[in-house]
Amino acid sequence: MTKKFRVEITATAEADVTEIWEYIAQDNPVTASAFILRMEEQIDTLEHFPERCARVPESHLLSERYRHLLFGHYRAIFKIAGDRVIVMRVLHGARLLDTKMLEGLAK
């Protein structure tokens, strides 16, 4: 039997998702809602085999080993902590992650 992880999303990551919806909704709210729903479904798949996702390229700058799940032009940045997968941020793929983006987030 495969190990199942509990997927948790920080308030900051939730705010990121809201911001993405608002940006896409400027052109089409229905498309924005459908996109976010598909993104959330993909994030939920992290409950099984989150290690399948690559480590973030910026990992040499960070003290912890973060991974990312890619979806369209976006990436959900997360860490694995025991039996939990903690989604820290959801950012556009063109944005580089730095320590300031992770300050004050749940450990």
N, C-alpha and C. Protein backbone atom coordinates (compact mmCIF):
# COMPACT_ATOMS: atom_id res chain seq x y z
N MET A 1 0.85 -1.18 0.00
CA MET A 1 0.00 0.00 0.00
C MET A 1 0.89 1.25 0.00
N THR A 2 0.54 2.21 -0.81
CA THR A 2 1.35 3.42 -0.91
C THR A 2 1.00 4.38 0.22
N LYS A 3 2.00 5.13 0.61
CA LYS A 3 1.82 6.13 1.67
C LYS A 3 0.96 7.27 1.14
N LYS A 4 0.05 7.73 1.96
CA LYS A 4 -0.80 8.85 1.58
C LYS A 4 -0.40 10.05 2.43
N PHE A 5 -0.21 11.18 1.77
CA PHE A 5 0.18 12.42 2.44
C PHE A 5 -1.04 13.32 2.61
N ARG A 6 -1.01 14.14 3.65
CA ARG A 6 -2.06 15.14 3.86
C ARG A 6 -1.58 16.43 3.19
N VAL A 7 -2.33 16.94 2.26
CA VAL A 7 -1.97 18.17 1.54
C VAL A 7 -2.54 19.36 2.29
N GLU A 8 -1.66 20.27 2.67
CA GLU A 8 -2.05 21.50 3.36
C GLU A 8 -1.62 22.69 2.51
N ILE A 9 -2.45 23.70 2.49
CA ILE A 9 -2.15 24.90 1.70
C ILE A 9 -2.09 26.09 2.64
N THR A 10 -0.97 26.81 2.60
CA THR A 10 -0.82 27.97 3.48
C THR A 10 -1.76 29.09 3.03
N ALA A 11 -2.02 30.00 3.93
CA ALA A 11 -2.85 31.17 3.61
C ALA A 11 -2.22 31.98 2.49
N THR A 12 -0.91 32.04 2.46
CA THR A 12 -0.21 32.78 1.40
C THR A 12 -0.45 32.12 0.05
N ALA A 13 -0.40 30.80 0.00
CA ALA A 13 -0.66 30.09 -1.25
C ALA A 13 -2.11 30.29 -1.69
N GLU A 14 -3.03 30.28 -0.73
CA GLU A 14 -4.44 30.55 -1.06
C GLU A 14 -4.59 31.95 -1.65
N ALA A 15 -3.89 32.91 -1.08
CA ALA A 15 -3.94 34.28 -1.61
C ALA A 15 -3.34 34.34 -3.02
N ASP A 16 -2.28 33.55 -3.24
CA ASP A 16 -1.70 33.48 -4.59
C ASP A 16 -2.73 32.98 -5.60
N VAL A 17 -3.48 31.94 -5.22
CA VAL A 17 -4.49 31.37 -6.12
C VAL A 17 -5.59 32.39 -6.39
N THR A 18 -6.00 33.12 -5.38
CA THR A 18 -7.01 34.17 -5.57
C THR A 18 -6.51 35.23 -6.53
N GLU A 19 -5.26 35.61 -6.38
CA GLU A 19 -4.66 36.62 -7.27
C GLU A 19 -4.61 36.12 -8.72
N ILE A 20 -4.29 34.85 -8.89
CA ILE A 20 -4.26 34.26 -10.24
C ILE A 20 -5.66 34.28 -10.83
N TRP A 21 -6.67 33.89 -10.03
CA TRP A 21 -8.05 33.92 -10.52
C TRP A 21 -8.43 35.33 -10.95
N GLU A 22 -8.13 36.32 -10.11
CA GLU A 22 -8.48 37.71 -10.42
C GLU A 22 -7.81 38.18 -11.71
N TYR A 23 -6.57 37.78 -11.92
CA TYR A 23 -5.85 38.18 -13.13
C TYR A 23 -6.51 37.58 -14.38
N ILE A 24 -6.79 36.27 -14.34
CA ILE A 24 -7.40 35.61 -15.50
C ILE A 24 -8.84 36.09 -15.69
N ALA A 25 -9.55 36.34 -14.60
CA ALA A 25 -10.96 36.75 -14.66
C ALA A 25 -11.15 38.11 -15.30
N GLN A 26 -10.10 38.91 -15.37
CA GLN A 26 -10.22 40.20 -16.06
C GLN A 26 -10.67 40.00 -17.50
N ASP A 27 -10.24 38.89 -18.10
CA ASP A 27 -10.64 38.57 -19.47
C ASP A 27 -11.86 37.66 -19.52
N ASN A 28 -11.90 36.67 -18.58
CA ASN A 28 -12.99 35.70 -18.64
C ASN A 28 -13.13 34.99 -17.29
N PRO A 29 -14.12 35.38 -16.49
CA PRO A 29 -14.30 34.75 -15.18
C PRO A 29 -14.59 33.24 -15.23
N VAL A 30 -15.29 32.79 -16.25
CA VAL A 30 -15.60 31.37 -16.36
C VAL A 30 -14.31 30.57 -16.62
N THR A 31 -13.48 31.07 -17.51
CA THR A 31 -12.20 30.43 -17.78
C THR A 31 -11.32 30.44 -16.54
N ALA A 32 -11.33 31.54 -15.81
CA ALA A 32 -10.54 31.64 -14.58
C ALA A 32 -10.97 30.58 -13.57
N SER A 33 -12.26 30.43 -13.38
CA SER A 33 -12.77 29.44 -12.42
C SER A 33 -12.41 28.03 -12.85
N ALA A 34 -12.54 27.72 -14.13
CA ALA A 34 -12.21 26.39 -14.63
C ALA A 34 -10.71 26.11 -14.47
N PHE A 35 -9.88 27.10 -14.75
CA PHE A 35 -8.43 26.94 -14.61
C PHE A 35 -8.06 26.66 -13.16
N ILE A 36 -8.61 27.43 -12.23
CA ILE A 36 -8.30 27.25 -10.81
C ILE A 36 -8.78 25.88 -10.32
N LEU A 37 -9.93 25.45 -10.77
CA LEU A 37 -10.43 24.14 -10.39
C LEU A 37 -9.47 23.04 -10.84
N ARG A 38 -9.01 23.12 -12.10
CA ARG A 38 -8.06 22.12 -12.60
C ARG A 38 -6.73 22.20 -11.84
N MET A 39 -6.30 23.41 -11.51
CA MET A 39 -5.06 23.57 -10.75
C MET A 39 -5.20 22.93 -9.37
N GLU A 40 -6.31 23.16 -8.70
CA GLU A 40 -6.54 22.59 -7.37
C GLU A 40 -6.60 21.06 -7.44
N GLU A 41 -7.18 20.52 -8.51
CA GLU A 41 -7.21 19.07 -8.68
C GLU A 41 -5.80 18.52 -8.81
N GLN A 42 -4.94 19.24 -9.53
CA GLN A 42 -3.55 18.80 -9.68
C GLN A 42 -2.82 18.87 -8.34
N ILE A 43 -3.04 19.92 -7.58
CA ILE A 43 -2.41 20.05 -6.26
C ILE A 43 -2.86 18.90 -5.36
N ASP A 44 -4.12 18.53 -5.44
CA ASP A 44 -4.63 17.41 -4.63
C ASP A 44 -3.92 16.09 -4.94
N THR A 45 -3.38 15.95 -6.16
CA THR A 45 -2.68 14.71 -6.51
C THR A 45 -1.38 14.55 -5.73
N LEU A 46 -0.94 15.60 -5.04
CA LEU A 46 0.28 15.51 -4.25
C LEU A 46 0.13 14.57 -3.06
N GLU A 47 -1.11 14.16 -2.76
CA GLU A 47 -1.30 13.22 -1.65
C GLU A 47 -0.66 11.86 -1.96
N HIS A 48 -0.40 11.60 -3.23
CA HIS A 48 0.27 10.37 -3.65
C HIS A 48 1.56 10.73 -4.39
N PHE A 49 2.68 10.23 -3.95
CA PHE A 49 3.97 10.39 -4.59
C PHE A 49 4.40 11.84 -4.85
N PRO A 50 4.42 12.70 -3.84
CA PRO A 50 4.85 14.07 -4.07
C PRO A 50 6.32 14.16 -4.50
N GLU A 51 7.08 13.09 -4.21
CA GLU A 51 8.49 13.06 -4.60
C GLU A 51 8.67 13.02 -6.11
N ARG A 52 7.59 12.76 -6.85
CA ARG A 52 7.68 12.71 -8.30
C ARG A 52 7.99 14.09 -8.89
N CYS A 53 7.71 15.12 -8.11
CA CYS A 53 7.93 16.49 -8.57
C CYS A 53 9.38 16.89 -8.32
N ALA A 54 9.92 17.62 -9.26
CA ALA A 54 11.32 18.04 -9.19
C ALA A 54 11.55 19.07 -8.09
N ARG A 55 12.76 19.12 -7.60
CA ARG A 55 13.15 20.18 -6.68
C ARG A 55 13.21 21.49 -7.46
N VAL A 56 12.92 22.59 -6.78
CA VAL A 56 12.94 23.89 -7.45
C VAL A 56 14.37 24.21 -7.87
N PRO A 57 14.55 24.86 -9.02
CA PRO A 57 15.89 25.19 -9.47
C PRO A 57 16.63 26.14 -8.52
N GLU A 58 15.88 26.91 -7.74
CA GLU A 58 16.50 27.87 -6.82
C GLU A 58 16.94 27.22 -5.51
N SER A 59 16.88 25.90 -5.41
CA SER A 59 17.14 25.23 -4.14
C SER A 59 18.51 25.55 -3.57
N HIS A 60 19.46 25.90 -4.39
CA HIS A 60 20.79 26.25 -3.87
C HIS A 60 20.76 27.55 -3.06
N LEU A 61 19.72 28.35 -3.21
CA LEU A 61 19.59 29.60 -2.45
C LEU A 61 18.82 29.43 -1.15
N LEU A 62 18.16 28.30 -0.99
CA LEU A 62 17.24 28.10 0.13
C LEU A 62 17.80 27.07 1.11
N SER A 63 17.42 27.21 2.35
CA SER A 63 17.91 26.28 3.37
C SER A 63 17.16 24.95 3.37
N GLU A 64 15.95 24.93 2.83
CA GLU A 64 15.17 23.69 2.78
C GLU A 64 15.03 23.25 1.33
N ARG A 65 14.67 22.01 1.18
CA ARG A 65 14.51 21.46 -0.16
C ARG A 65 13.04 21.53 -0.57
N TYR A 66 12.75 22.49 -1.40
CA TYR A 66 11.40 22.66 -1.90
C TYR A 66 11.26 21.98 -3.25
N ARG A 67 10.05 21.55 -3.54
CA ARG A 67 9.72 20.95 -4.83
C ARG A 67 8.64 21.80 -5.48
N HIS A 68 8.41 21.55 -6.76
CA HIS A 68 7.30 22.27 -7.39
C HIS A 68 6.53 21.36 -8.34
N LEU A 69 5.24 21.62 -8.35
CA LEU A 69 4.31 20.95 -9.25
C LEU A 69 3.99 21.97 -10.33
N LEU A 70 4.28 21.64 -11.57
CA LEU A 70 4.05 22.56 -12.68
C LEU A 70 2.65 22.36 -13.24
N PHE A 71 1.98 23.48 -13.51
CA PHE A 71 0.64 23.44 -14.09
C PHE A 71 0.49 24.65 -15.00
N GLY A 72 0.43 24.42 -16.29
CA GLY A 72 0.36 25.54 -17.23
C GLY A 72 1.59 26.42 -17.04
N HIS A 73 1.35 27.72 -16.89
CA HIS A 73 2.45 28.67 -16.68
C HIS A 73 2.75 28.87 -15.20
N TYR A 74 2.13 28.09 -14.35
CA TYR A 74 2.26 28.28 -12.89
C TYR A 74 2.94 27.09 -12.24
N ARG A 75 3.40 27.30 -11.01
CA ARG A 75 3.98 26.22 -10.24
C ARG A 75 3.58 26.36 -8.78
N ALA A 76 3.21 25.23 -8.20
CA ALA A 76 2.89 25.16 -6.78
C ALA A 76 4.16 24.70 -6.08
N ILE A 77 4.68 25.54 -5.20
CA ILE A 77 5.92 25.25 -4.49
C ILE A 77 5.57 24.67 -3.14
N PHE A 78 6.15 23.51 -2.84
CA PHE A 78 5.78 22.81 -1.61
C PHE A 78 6.99 22.14 -0.98
N LYS A 79 6.78 21.74 0.28
CA LYS A 79 7.78 20.92 0.96
C LYS A 79 7.08 19.72 1.57
N ILE A 80 7.84 18.68 1.77
CA ILE A 80 7.33 17.47 2.39
C ILE A 80 7.83 17.46 3.83
N ALA A 81 6.90 17.35 4.77
CA ALA A 81 7.24 17.33 6.20
C ALA A 81 6.54 16.13 6.83
N GLY A 82 7.26 15.04 6.95
CA GLY A 82 6.67 13.82 7.50
C GLY A 82 5.59 13.29 6.58
N ASP A 83 4.35 13.23 7.09
CA ASP A 83 3.23 12.74 6.28
C ASP A 83 2.42 13.88 5.68
N ARG A 84 3.01 15.08 5.69
CA ARG A 84 2.31 16.26 5.16
C ARG A 84 3.04 16.81 3.94
N VAL A 85 2.27 17.33 3.01
CA VAL A 85 2.78 18.12 1.89
C VAL A 85 2.24 19.52 2.13
N ILE A 86 3.13 20.47 2.29
CA ILE A 86 2.71 21.84 2.60
C ILE A 86 2.98 22.71 1.38
N VAL A 87 1.91 23.20 0.76
CA VAL A 87 2.02 24.08 -0.40
C VAL A 87 2.26 25.48 0.15
N MET A 88 3.44 26.01 -0.17
CA MET A 88 3.88 27.29 0.38
C MET A 88 3.45 28.48 -0.48
N ARG A 89 3.60 28.33 -1.79
CA ARG A 89 3.28 29.41 -2.72
C ARG A 89 2.76 28.81 -4.02
N VAL A 90 2.01 29.60 -4.78
CA VAL A 90 1.62 29.26 -6.14
C VAL A 90 1.96 30.49 -6.97
N LEU A 91 2.96 30.33 -7.84
CA LEU A 91 3.52 31.48 -8.56
C LEU A 91 3.57 31.22 -10.05
N HIS A 92 3.64 32.31 -10.81
CA HIS A 92 3.88 32.19 -12.24
C HIS A 92 5.27 31.60 -12.43
N GLY A 93 5.42 30.72 -13.38
CA GLY A 93 6.69 30.04 -13.60
C GLY A 93 7.85 30.95 -13.92
N ALA A 94 7.58 32.15 -14.41
CA ALA A 94 8.66 33.08 -14.74
C ALA A 94 9.24 33.76 -13.50
N ARG A 95 8.51 33.67 -12.38
CA ARG A 95 9.00 34.31 -11.14
C ARG A 95 9.96 33.38 -10.43
N LEU A 96 11.09 33.91 -10.06
CA LEU A 96 12.06 33.14 -9.28
C LEU A 96 11.67 33.21 -7.82
N LEU A 97 11.89 32.12 -7.13
CA LEU A 97 11.61 32.02 -5.72
C LEU A 97 12.82 32.49 -4.93
N ASP A 98 12.60 33.28 -3.90
CA ASP A 98 13.70 33.65 -3.02
C ASP A 98 13.24 33.52 -1.57
N THR A 99 14.17 33.68 -0.66
CA THR A 99 13.85 33.47 0.76
C THR A 99 12.80 34.45 1.25
N LYS A 100 12.74 35.65 0.71
CA LYS A 100 11.74 36.63 1.14
C LYS A 100 10.32 36.16 0.85
N MET A 101 10.17 35.37 -0.22
CA MET A 101 8.85 34.86 -0.58
C MET A 101 8.37 33.80 0.39
N LEU A 102 9.27 33.23 1.17
CA LEU A 102 8.91 32.15 2.08
C LEU A 102 8.94 32.57 3.54
N GLU A 103 9.39 33.79 3.82
CA GLU A 103 9.48 34.25 5.20
C GLU A 103 8.11 34.28 5.86
N GLY A 104 8.05 33.80 7.10
CA GLY A 104 6.83 33.86 7.88
C GLY A 104 5.79 32.81 7.55
N LEU A 105 6.12 31.90 6.65
CA LEU A 105 5.16 30.86 6.29
C LEU A 105 5.26 29.70 7.26
N ALA A 106 4.23 28.89 7.30
CA ALA A 106 4.17 27.74 8.23
C ALA A 106 5.36 26.82 8.02
N LYS A 107 5.85 26.30 9.09
CA LYS A 107 7.00 25.37 9.03
C LYS A 107 6.52 23.96 8.95
